[in-house]
Each structure stands twice: as C-alpha cells, then as structure tokens.
PDB file of N, CA and C in Angstrom:
ATOM      1  N   MET A   1      80.669 123.958 126.961  1.00  0.00           N
ATOM      2  CA  MET A   1      81.024 125.242 127.908  1.00  0.00           C
ATOM      3  C   MET A   1      82.108 125.643 127.058  1.00  0.00           C
ATOM      4  N   ALA A   2      82.409 127.149 126.839  1.00  0.00           N
ATOM      5  CA  ALA A   2      82.808 127.657 126.263  1.00  0.00           C
ATOM      6  C   ALA A   2      83.146 129.035 126.982  1.00  0.00           C
ATOM      7  N   LEU A   3      83.707 129.212 128.139  1.00  0.00           N
ATOM      8  CA  LEU A   3      84.073 130.361 128.554  1.00  0.00           C
ATOM      9  C   LEU A   3      85.585 130.887 128.280  1.00  0.00           C
ATOM     10  N   ILE A   4      85.721 131.483 127.358  1.00  0.00           N
ATOM     11  CA  ILE A   4      86.949 131.628 127.094  1.00  0.00           C
ATOM     12  C   ILE A   4      88.002 133.005 127.459  1.00  0.00           C
ATOM     13  N   TYR A   5      89.167 132.536 127.632  1.00  0.00           N
ATOM     14  CA  TYR A   5      90.183 133.504 128.170  1.00  0.00           C
ATOM     15  C   TYR A   5      91.231 133.751 127.138  1.00  0.00           C
ATOM     16  N   GLU A   6      91.721 134.832 126.842  1.00  0.00           N
ATOM     17  CA  GLU A   6      92.796 134.648 125.679  1.00  0.00           C
ATOM     18  C   GLU A   6      93.850 135.431 126.586  1.00  0.00           C
ATOM     19  N   VAL A   7      94.965 134.673 126.498  1.00  0.00           N
ATOM     20  CA  VAL A   7      95.864 134.254 126.976  1.00  0.00           C
ATOM     21  C   VAL A   7      97.367 135.049 125.812  1.00  0.00           C
ATOM     22  N   GLN A   8      98.025 136.283 126.376  1.00  0.00           N
ATOM     23  CA  GLN A   8      98.906 136.880 125.478  1.00  0.00           C
ATOM     24  C   GLN A   8      99.776 135.887 125.047  1.00  0.00           C
ATOM     25  N   VAL A   9     100.643 134.792 125.765  1.00  0.00           N
ATOM     26  CA  VAL A   9     101.682 134.349 125.425  1.00  0.00           C
ATOM     27  C   VAL A   9     101.189 132.710 125.157  1.00  0.00           C
ATOM     28  N   ARG A  10     101.762 132.418 124.341  1.00  0.00           N
ATOM     29  CA  ARG A  10     101.139 130.911 123.549  1.00  0.00           C
ATOM     30  C   ARG A  10     101.818 129.931 124.146  1.00  0.00           C
ATOM     31  N   GLY A  11     102.428 129.855 124.993  1.00  0.00           N
ATOM     32  CA  GLY A  11     102.862 128.949 125.866  1.00  0.00           C
ATOM     33  C   GLY A  11     101.956 128.072 126.912  1.00  0.00           C
ATOM     34  N   ALA A  12     101.336 129.767 127.262  1.00  0.00           N
ATOM     35  CA  ALA A  12     100.032 129.489 128.382  1.00  0.00           C
ATOM     36  C   ALA A  12      98.764 129.060 127.713  1.00  0.00           C
ATOM     37  N   ALA A  13      98.964 129.021 126.623  1.00  0.00           N
ATOM     38  CA  ALA A  13      97.246 128.558 125.702  1.00  0.00           C
ATOM     39  C   ALA A  13      97.009 127.092 125.810  1.00  0.00           C
ATOM     40  N   LYS A  14      95.852 126.604 126.125  1.00  0.00           N
ATOM     41  CA  LYS A  14      95.468 125.207 125.896  1.00  0.00           C
ATOM     42  C   LYS A  14      95.367 124.752 124.320  1.00  0.00           C
ATOM     43  N   VAL A  15      94.870 126.022 123.877  1.00  0.00           N
ATOM     44  CA  VAL A  15      94.566 126.053 122.348  1.00  0.00           C
ATOM     45  C   VAL A  15      94.454 127.347 121.522  1.00  0.00           C
ATOM     46  N   LEU A  16      95.477 126.931 120.797  1.00  0.00           N
ATOM     47  CA  LEU A  16      95.715 127.989 119.364  1.00  0.00           C
ATOM     48  C   LEU A  16      94.789 127.885 118.188  1.00  0.00           C
ATOM     49  N   VAL A  17      94.398 129.596 117.935  1.00  0.00           N
ATOM     50  CA  VAL A  17      93.216 129.615 117.424  1.00  0.00           C
ATOM     51  C   VAL A  17      93.485 130.359 116.168  1.00  0.00           C
ATOM     52  N   HIS A  18      92.934 130.457 114.884  1.00  0.00           N
ATOM     53  CA  HIS A  18      93.249 130.951 113.740  1.00  0.00           C
ATOM     54  C   HIS A  18      91.752 131.635 113.107  1.00  0.00           C
ATOM     55  N   GLU A  19      91.495 132.569 112.853  1.00  0.00           N
ATOM     56  CA  GLU A  19      90.097 132.938 112.543  1.00  0.00           C
ATOM     57  C   GLU A  19      90.458 132.943 110.890  1.00  0.00           C
ATOM     58  N   VAL A  20      89.485 132.414 110.645  1.00  0.00           N
ATOM     59  CA  VAL A  20      89.676 131.935 109.151  1.00  0.00           C
ATOM     60  C   VAL A  20      88.480 133.282 108.656  1.00  0.00           C
ATOM     61  N   SER A  21      88.695 133.258 106.996  1.00  0.00           N
ATOM     62  CA  SER A  21      88.139 134.123 106.296  1.00  0.00           C
ATOM     63  C   SER A  21      86.668 133.552 105.738  1.00  0.00           C
ATOM     64  N   SER A  22      86.953 132.325 105.354  1.00  0.00           N
ATOM     65  CA  SER A  22      85.899 131.560 104.820  1.00  0.00           C
ATOM     66  C   SER A  22      85.256 130.626 105.847  1.00  0.00           C
ATOM     67  N   ARG A  23      84.032 130.750 105.607  1.00  0.00           N
ATOM     68  CA  ARG A  23      83.009 129.751 106.382  1.00  0.00           C
ATOM     69  C   ARG A  23      83.168 128.011 106.221  1.00  0.00           C
ATOM     70  N   ALA A  24      83.253 128.251 105.299  1.00  0.00           N
ATOM     71  CA  ALA A  24      83.986 126.696 104.697  1.00  0.00           C
ATOM     72  C   ALA A  24      84.958 126.312 105.037  1.00  0.00           C
ATOM     73  N   ALA A  25      86.050 127.022 105.445  1.00  0.00           N
ATOM     74  CA  ALA A  25      87.430 126.466 105.692  1.00  0.00           C
ATOM     75  C   ALA A  25      87.308 126.373 107.518  1.00  0.00           C
ATOM     76  N   ALA A  26      86.384 126.704 107.960  1.00  0.00           N
ATOM     77  CA  ALA A  26      86.457 126.361 109.705  1.00  0.00           C
ATOM     78  C   ALA A  26      86.225 125.134 110.148  1.00  0.00           C
ATOM     79  N   ASP A  27      86.778 124.691 111.001  1.00  0.00           N
ATOM     80  CA  ASP A  27      86.705 123.765 111.864  1.00  0.00           C
ATOM     81  C   ASP A  27      85.267 123.521 112.756  1.00  0.00           C
ATOM     82  N   LEU A  28      84.919 125.135 113.443  1.00  0.00           N
ATOM     83  CA  LEU A  28      84.030 125.493 113.977  1.00  0.00           C
ATOM     84  C   LEU A  28      83.424 126.968 113.901  1.00  0.00           C
ATOM     85  N   LEU A  29      82.282 126.992 113.728  1.00  0.00           N
ATOM     86  CA  LEU A  29      81.099 128.124 113.540  1.00  0.00           C
ATOM     87  C   LEU A  29      81.388 128.765 114.842  1.00  0.00           C
ATOM     88  N   VAL A  30      81.682 130.056 115.219  1.00  0.00           N
ATOM     89  CA  VAL A  30      81.512 130.450 116.407  1.00  0.00           C
ATOM     90  C   VAL A  30      80.399 131.826 116.751  1.00  0.00           C
ATOM     91  N   TYR A  31      79.484 131.902 118.043  1.00  0.00           N
ATOM     92  CA  TYR A  31      78.781 132.990 118.144  1.00  0.00           C
ATOM     93  C   TYR A  31      79.113 133.484 119.529  1.00  0.00           C
ATOM     94  N   ARG A  32      79.179 134.793 119.638  1.00  0.00           N
ATOM     95  CA  ARG A  32      79.737 135.186 120.693  1.00  0.00           C
ATOM     96  C   ARG A  32      78.538 135.241 121.663  1.00  0.00           C
ATOM     97  N   VAL A  33      78.345 135.265 122.537  1.00  0.00           N
ATOM     98  CA  VAL A  33      77.597 135.565 123.151  1.00  0.00           C
ATOM     99  C   VAL A  33      77.705 135.915 125.256  1.00  0.00           C
ATOM    100  N   ASP A  34      77.006 137.211 125.234  1.00  0.00           N
ATOM    101  CA  ASP A  34      77.127 137.598 126.772  1.00  0.00           C
ATOM    102  C   ASP A  34      77.099 137.020 127.920  1.00  0.00           C
ATOM    103  N   SER A  35      76.374 136.105 127.874  1.00  0.00           N
ATOM    104  CA  SER A  35      76.162 135.451 129.296  1.00  0.00           C
ATOM    105  C   SER A  35      76.565 134.004 129.565  1.00  0.00           C
ATOM    106  N   ARG A  36      77.148 133.858 130.415  1.00  0.00           N
ATOM    107  CA  ARG A  36      77.549 132.623 131.141  1.00  0.00           C
ATOM    108  C   ARG A  36      76.792 131.234 130.739  1.00  0.00           C
ATOM    109  N   GLY A  37      75.508 131.523 131.204  1.00  0.00           N
ATOM    110  CA  GLY A  37      74.849 130.448 131.407  1.00  0.00           C
ATOM    111  C   GLY A  37      74.270 130.317 129.692  1.00  0.00           C
ATOM    112  N   ALA A  38      74.483 131.375 128.875  1.00  0.00           N
ATOM    113  CA  ALA A  38      74.370 130.690 127.404  1.00  0.00           C
ATOM    114  C   ALA A  38      74.888 129.716 126.706  1.00  0.00           C
ATOM    115  N   THR A  39      76.059 129.528 127.453  1.00  0.00           N
ATOM    116  CA  THR A  39      77.277 128.488 126.773  1.00  0.00           C
ATOM    117  C   THR A  39      77.436 127.086 126.903  1.00  0.00           C
ATOM    118  N   HIS A  40      76.489 127.015 128.253  1.00  0.00           N
ATOM    119  CA  HIS A  40      76.387 125.227 128.680  1.00  0.00           C
ATOM    120  C   HIS A  40      76.409 124.075 127.720  1.00  0.00           C
ATOM    121  N   ASN A  41      77.291 123.685 127.627  1.00  0.00           N
ATOM    122  CA  ASN A  41      77.082 122.526 126.688  1.00  0.00           C
ATOM    123  C   ASN A  41      77.279 122.704 125.074  1.00  0.00           C
ATOM    124  N   GLN A  42      78.086 123.967 124.915  1.00  0.00           N
ATOM    125  CA  GLN A  42      77.862 124.593 123.458  1.00  0.00           C
ATOM    126  C   GLN A  42      79.494 124.616 123.407  1.00  0.00           C
ATOM    127  N   ASP A  43      80.033 124.182 122.827  1.00  0.00           N
ATOM    128  CA  ASP A  43      81.460 124.783 122.330  1.00  0.00           C
ATOM    129  C   ASP A  43      81.540 125.523 121.602  1.00  0.00           C
ATOM    130  N   SER A  44      80.484 126.058 120.430  1.00  0.00           N
ATOM    131  CA  SER A  44      80.120 127.199 119.363  1.00  0.00           C
ATOM    132  C   SER A  44      79.497 128.458 120.160  1.00  0.00           C
ATOM    133  N   LEU A  45      79.369 128.544 121.305  1.00  0.00           N
ATOM    134  CA  LEU A  45      79.049 129.689 121.704  1.00  0.00           C
ATOM    135  C   LEU A  45      80.104 130.401 122.746  1.00  0.00           C
ATOM    136  N   TRP A  46      80.811 131.176 122.317  1.00  0.00           N
ATOM    137  CA  TRP A  46      81.899 131.341 123.219  1.00  0.00           C
ATOM    138  C   TRP A  46      81.719 132.884 124.183  1.00  0.00           C
ATOM    139  N   CYS A  47      81.538 132.688 125.411  1.00  0.00           N
ATOM    140  CA  CYS A  47      81.767 133.879 126.530  1.00  0.00           C
ATOM    141  C   CYS A  47      83.066 133.946 126.729  1.00  0.00           C
ATOM    142  N   GLN A  48      83.475 135.774 126.219  1.00  0.00           N
ATOM    143  CA  GLN A  48      84.762 135.705 126.872  1.00  0.00           C
ATOM    144  C   GLN A  48      84.579 136.471 128.624  1.00  0.00           C
ATOM    145  N   VAL A  49      85.812 135.614 129.428  1.00  0.00           N
ATOM    146  CA  VAL A  49      85.655 135.893 130.537  1.00  0.00           C
ATOM    147  C   VAL A  49      86.801 136.555 131.259  1.00  0.00           C
ATOM    148  N   ALA A  50      87.001 137.705 132.114  1.00  0.00           N
ATOM    149  CA  ALA A  50      88.186 138.377 132.322  1.00  0.00           C
ATOM    150  C   ALA A  50      89.020 137.628 133.456  1.00  0.00           C
ATOM    151  N   SER A  51      88.184 136.517 133.837  1.00  0.00           N
ATOM    152  CA  SER A  51      89.346 136.050 135.032  1.00  0.00           C
ATOM    153  C   SER A  51      89.818 134.419 134.055  1.00  0.00           C
ATOM    154  N   ARG A  52      91.025 134.242 134.016  1.00  0.00           N
ATOM    155  CA  ARG A  52      91.426 132.783 133.751  1.00  0.00           C
ATOM    156  C   ARG A  52      90.891 132.149 134.641  1.00  0.00           C
ATOM    157  N   SER A  53      90.863 132.132 136.023  1.00  0.00           N
ATOM    158  CA  SER A  53      90.293 130.684 136.669  1.00  0.00           C
ATOM    159  C   SER A  53      89.040 130.474 136.554  1.00  0.00           C
ATOM    160  N   THR A  54      87.867 131.350 135.833  1.00  0.00           N
ATOM    161  CA  THR A  54      86.602 130.875 135.688  1.00  0.00           C
ATOM    162  C   THR A  54      86.466 130.532 134.325  1.00  0.00           C
ATOM    163  N   ALA A  55      87.869 130.454 133.437  1.00  0.00           N
ATOM    164  CA  ALA A  55      87.793 129.870 132.093  1.00  0.00           C
ATOM    165  C   ALA A  55      87.737 128.334 131.535  1.00  0.00           C
ATOM    166  N   THR A  56      87.362 127.889 130.735  1.00  0.00           N
ATOM    167  CA  THR A  56      86.853 126.539 130.289  1.00  0.00           C
ATOM    168  C   THR A  56      87.870 126.341 129.428  1.00  0.00           C
ATOM    169  N   SER A  57      88.703 127.409 128.596  1.00  0.00           N
ATOM    170  CA  SER A  57      89.539 127.169 127.782  1.00  0.00           C
ATOM    171  C   SER A  57      90.527 128.469 127.462  1.00  0.00           C
ATOM    172  N   LEU A  58      91.455 128.331 127.322  1.00  0.00           N
ATOM    173  CA  LEU A  58      92.531 129.268 127.580  1.00  0.00           C
ATOM    174  C   LEU A  58      93.342 129.318 126.092  1.00  0.00           C
ATOM    175  N   ILE A  59      92.726 130.583 125.337  1.00  0.00           N
ATOM    176  CA  ILE A  59      93.251 130.440 124.103  1.00  0.00           C
ATOM    177  C   ILE A  59      94.296 131.404 123.757  1.00  0.00           C
ATOM    178  N   HIS A  60      94.983 131.166 122.416  1.00  0.00           N
ATOM    179  CA  HIS A  60      95.978 132.009 121.715  1.00  0.00           C
ATOM    180  C   HIS A  60      95.710 132.304 120.706  1.00  0.00           C
ATOM    181  N   TRP A  61      95.659 133.798 120.098  1.00  0.00           N
ATOM    182  CA  TRP A  61      95.375 134.003 118.354  1.00  0.00           C
ATOM    183  C   TRP A  61      96.523 133.670 117.744  1.00  0.00           C
ATOM    184  N   VAL A  62      96.420 133.007 116.524  1.00  0.00           N
ATOM    185  CA  VAL A  62      97.977 132.904 116.155  1.00  0.00           C
ATOM    186  C   VAL A  62      97.782 133.211 114.359  1.00  0.00           C
ATOM    187  N   SER A  63      98.518 133.862 113.930  1.00  0.00           N
ATOM    188  CA  SER A  63      98.350 134.580 112.577  1.00  0.00           C
ATOM    189  C   SER A  63      98.449 133.499 111.402  1.00  0.00           C
ATOM    190  N   HIS A  64      98.809 132.406 111.644  1.00  0.00           N
ATOM    191  CA  HIS A  64      99.046 131.163 110.842  1.00  0.00           C
ATOM    192  C   HIS A  64      98.247 130.003 110.719  1.00  0.00           C
ATOM    193  N   ARG A  65      97.373 129.864 110.068  1.00  0.00           N
ATOM    194  CA  ARG A  65      96.769 128.786 110.090  1.00  0.00           C
ATOM    195  C   ARG A  65      97.405 127.359 110.538  1.00  0.00           C
ATOM    196  N   SER A  66      98.445 127.312 109.701  1.00  0.00           N
ATOM    197  CA  SER A  66      99.198 125.882 109.600  1.00  0.00           C
ATOM    198  C   SER A  66      99.642 125.820 111.721  1.00  0.00           C
ATOM    199  N   ALA A  67      99.692 126.659 112.278  1.00  0.00           N
ATOM    200  CA  ALA A  67      99.928 127.158 113.565  1.00  0.00           C
ATOM    201  C   ALA A  67      98.795 126.979 114.512  1.00  0.00           C
ATOM    202  N   ALA A  68      97.534 126.733 114.099  1.00  0.00           N
ATOM    203  CA  ALA A  68      96.654 126.579 114.668  1.00  0.00           C
ATOM    204  C   ALA A  68      96.338 125.015 115.041  1.00  0.00           C
ATOM    205  N   ASP A  69      95.378 124.764 116.330  1.00  0.00           N
ATOM    206  CA  ASP A  69      95.080 123.881 116.764  1.00  0.00           C
ATOM    207  C   ASP A  69      93.309 123.716 116.312  1.00  0.00           C
ATOM    208  N   LEU A  70      92.923 125.161 115.999  1.00  0.00           N
ATOM    209  CA  LEU A  70      91.180 125.376 115.849  1.00  0.00           C
ATOM    210  C   LEU A  70      91.174 126.295 114.751  1.00  0.00           C
ATOM    211  N   LEU A  71      90.502 126.033 113.682  1.00  0.00           N
ATOM    212  CA  LEU A  71      89.938 127.101 112.752  1.00  0.00           C
ATOM    213  C   LEU A  71      88.543 127.284 112.779  1.00  0.00           C
ATOM    214  N   VAL A  72      88.414 129.090 113.129  1.00  0.00           N
ATOM    215  CA  VAL A  72      87.022 129.517 113.743  1.00  0.00           C
ATOM    216  C   VAL A  72      86.659 130.814 112.856  1.00  0.00           C
ATOM    217  N   TYR A  73      85.522 130.769 112.487  1.00  0.00           N
ATOM    218  CA  TYR A  73      84.748 131.683 111.699  1.00  0.00           C
ATOM    219  C   TYR A  73      83.802 132.165 112.814  1.00  0.00           C
ATOM    220  N   PHE A  74      83.218 133.507 113.027  1.00  0.00           N
ATOM    221  CA  PHE A  74      82.152 133.971 113.845  1.00  0.00           C
ATOM    222  C   PHE A  74      81.297 134.277 112.738  1.00  0.00           C
ATOM    223  N   VAL A  75      80.151 133.595 113.551  1.00  0.00           N
ATOM    224  CA  VAL A  75      78.797 133.956 112.671  1.00  0.00           C
ATOM    225  C   VAL A  75      77.917 135.144 113.387  1.00  0.00           C
ATOM    226  N   SER A  76      76.440 135.489 112.980  1.00  0.00           N
ATOM    227  CA  SER A  76      75.816 136.375 113.439  1.00  0.00           C
ATOM    228  C   SER A  76      75.044 135.517 114.301  1.00  0.00           C
ATOM    229  N   SER A  77      74.740 134.592 114.351  1.00  0.00           N
ATOM    230  CA  SER A  77      73.503 134.240 114.634  1.00  0.00           C
ATOM    231  C   SER A  77      73.799 132.696 115.231  1.00  0.00           C
ATOM    232  N   ARG A  78      73.566 132.649 116.301  1.00  0.00           N
ATOM    233  CA  ARG A  78      73.501 131.259 117.284  1.00  0.00           C
ATOM    234  C   ARG A  78      73.028 129.935 116.595  1.00  0.00           C
ATOM    235  N   GLY A  79      72.060 130.070 115.637  1.00  0.00           N
ATOM    236  CA  GLY A  79      71.476 128.777 115.120  1.00  0.00           C
ATOM    237  C   GLY A  79      72.645 128.669 113.877  1.00  0.00           C
ATOM    238  N   ALA A  80      73.249 129.641 113.430  1.00  0.00           N
ATOM    239  CA  ALA A  80      74.531 129.104 112.227  1.00  0.00           C
ATOM    240  C   ALA A  80      75.587 128.735 112.999  1.00  0.00           C
ATOM    241  N   SER A  81      76.163 128.450 114.564  1.00  0.00           N
ATOM    242  CA  SER A  81      77.543 128.151 115.163  1.00  0.00           C
ATOM    243  C   SER A  81      77.229 126.627 115.049  1.00  0.00           C
ATOM    244  N   GLY A  82      78.104 126.114 114.995  1.00  0.00           N
ATOM    245  CA  GLY A  82      78.367 124.311 115.322  1.00  0.00           C
ATOM    246  C   GLY A  82      79.837 124.102 114.892  1.00  0.00           C
ATOM    247  N   TRP A  83      79.898 122.762 115.121  1.00  0.00           N
ATOM    248  CA  TRP A  83      80.968 121.786 114.307  1.00  0.00           C
ATOM    249  C   TRP A  83      80.566 121.879 113.006  1.00  0.00           C
ATOM    250  N   GLN A  84      81.711 121.875 111.978  1.00  0.00           N
ATOM    251  CA  GLN A  84      81.653 122.026 110.826  1.00  0.00           C
ATOM    252  C   GLN A  84      82.283 120.145 110.517  1.00  0.00           C
ATOM    253  N   THR A  85      83.709 120.026 111.551  1.00  0.00           N
ATOM    254  CA  THR A  85      84.171 119.020 111.092  1.00  0.00           C
ATOM    255  C   THR A  85      84.368 117.803 112.461  1.00  0.00           C
ATOM    256  N   GLN A  86      84.753 116.733 112.502  1.00  0.00           N
ATOM    257  CA  GLN A  86      84.935 115.379 113.282  1.00  0.00           C
ATOM    258  C   GLN A  86      86.403 116.315 113.748  1.00  0.00           C
ATOM    259  N   HIS A  87      86.364 117.093 115.233  1.00  0.00           N
ATOM    260  CA  HIS A  87      87.703 117.723 115.270  1.00  0.00           C
ATOM    261  C   HIS A  87      87.539 116.830 116.885  1.00  0.00           C
ATOM    262  N   PRO A  88      89.230 116.698 117.146  1.00  0.00           N
ATOM    263  CA  PRO A  88      89.692 116.337 118.429  1.00  0.00           C
ATOM    264  C   PRO A  88      89.186 117.210 119.624  1.00  0.00           C
ATOM    265  N   LEU A  89      89.168 117.996 119.629  1.00  0.00           N
ATOM    266  CA  LEU A  89      88.589 119.533 120.490  1.00  0.00           C
ATOM    267  C   LEU A  89      86.947 119.521 120.854  1.00  0.00           C
ATOM    268  N   LYS A  90      86.320 118.586 119.787  1.00  0.00           N
ATOM    269  CA  LYS A  90      84.839 118.914 119.931  1.00  0.00           C
ATOM    270  C   LYS A  90      84.452 118.060 121.867  1.00  0.00           C
ATOM    271  N   GLY A  91      83.999 119.058 122.448  1.00  0.00           N
ATOM    272  CA  GLY A  91      83.089 118.888 123.677  1.00  0.00           C
ATOM    273  C   GLY A  91      84.383 118.917 124.774  1.00  0.00           C
ATOM    274  N   ARG A  92      85.389 119.616 124.338  1.00  0.00           N
ATOM    275  CA  ARG A  92      86.182 120.247 125.536  1.00  0.00           C
ATOM    276  C   ARG A  92      86.822 121.155 125.416  1.00  0.00           C
ATOM    277  N   LEU A  93      86.095 122.438 125.030  1.00  0.00           N
ATOM    278  CA  LEU A  93      86.395 123.717 124.973  1.00  0.00           C
ATOM    279  C   LEU A  93      85.258 124.080 126.335  1.00  0.00           C
TER     280      LEU A  93
END
C-alpha cells in the first residue's frame, strides 16, 4: 500500500526519491491514483495524502539520482505500473 506524503526536509523522509526521464532507468513504474483503497498491497500505485499520520511512506524528492533510494518513472496506466528490479523497498511503501 503506497499512501504517499511528501516531506520538505530530507531528514524527515523514510525514502529519498528521484524521478527519472526514462522508463528503463526506473526501479519502480508508478501510477498515481485518487483513491486510498486502490493502493492496497500495491507499491506501484501511489495515492498522495494530506496527512503525515495516514501515510505509509514519507518521501522527499531529490535532484540527483545518486542521492536517491528509489528511482521512479510515472506511467499513464495502472497495468503498466510495477517493480522493474529486485529492490530492498519492495513491499515496504
């Protein structure tokens, strides 16, 4: 389940994320959804939440790929989303 809350302070984040411009370079292909229920057991479906307390993941966007824990690429369909690599964060978002 990926209920995402973006933090502004790097030290407050559990995951440092960088958006890549190429699908092939991503660890995770992400599809954004509006409903919390749609994210159940799906790391690749991200629902942005307004409250830190309801989030399952606190993320901070980083400018440099080398500083990121996770490389993401946003896709336009749910079916195209998913992990592309074996990753330590799999099942933890």
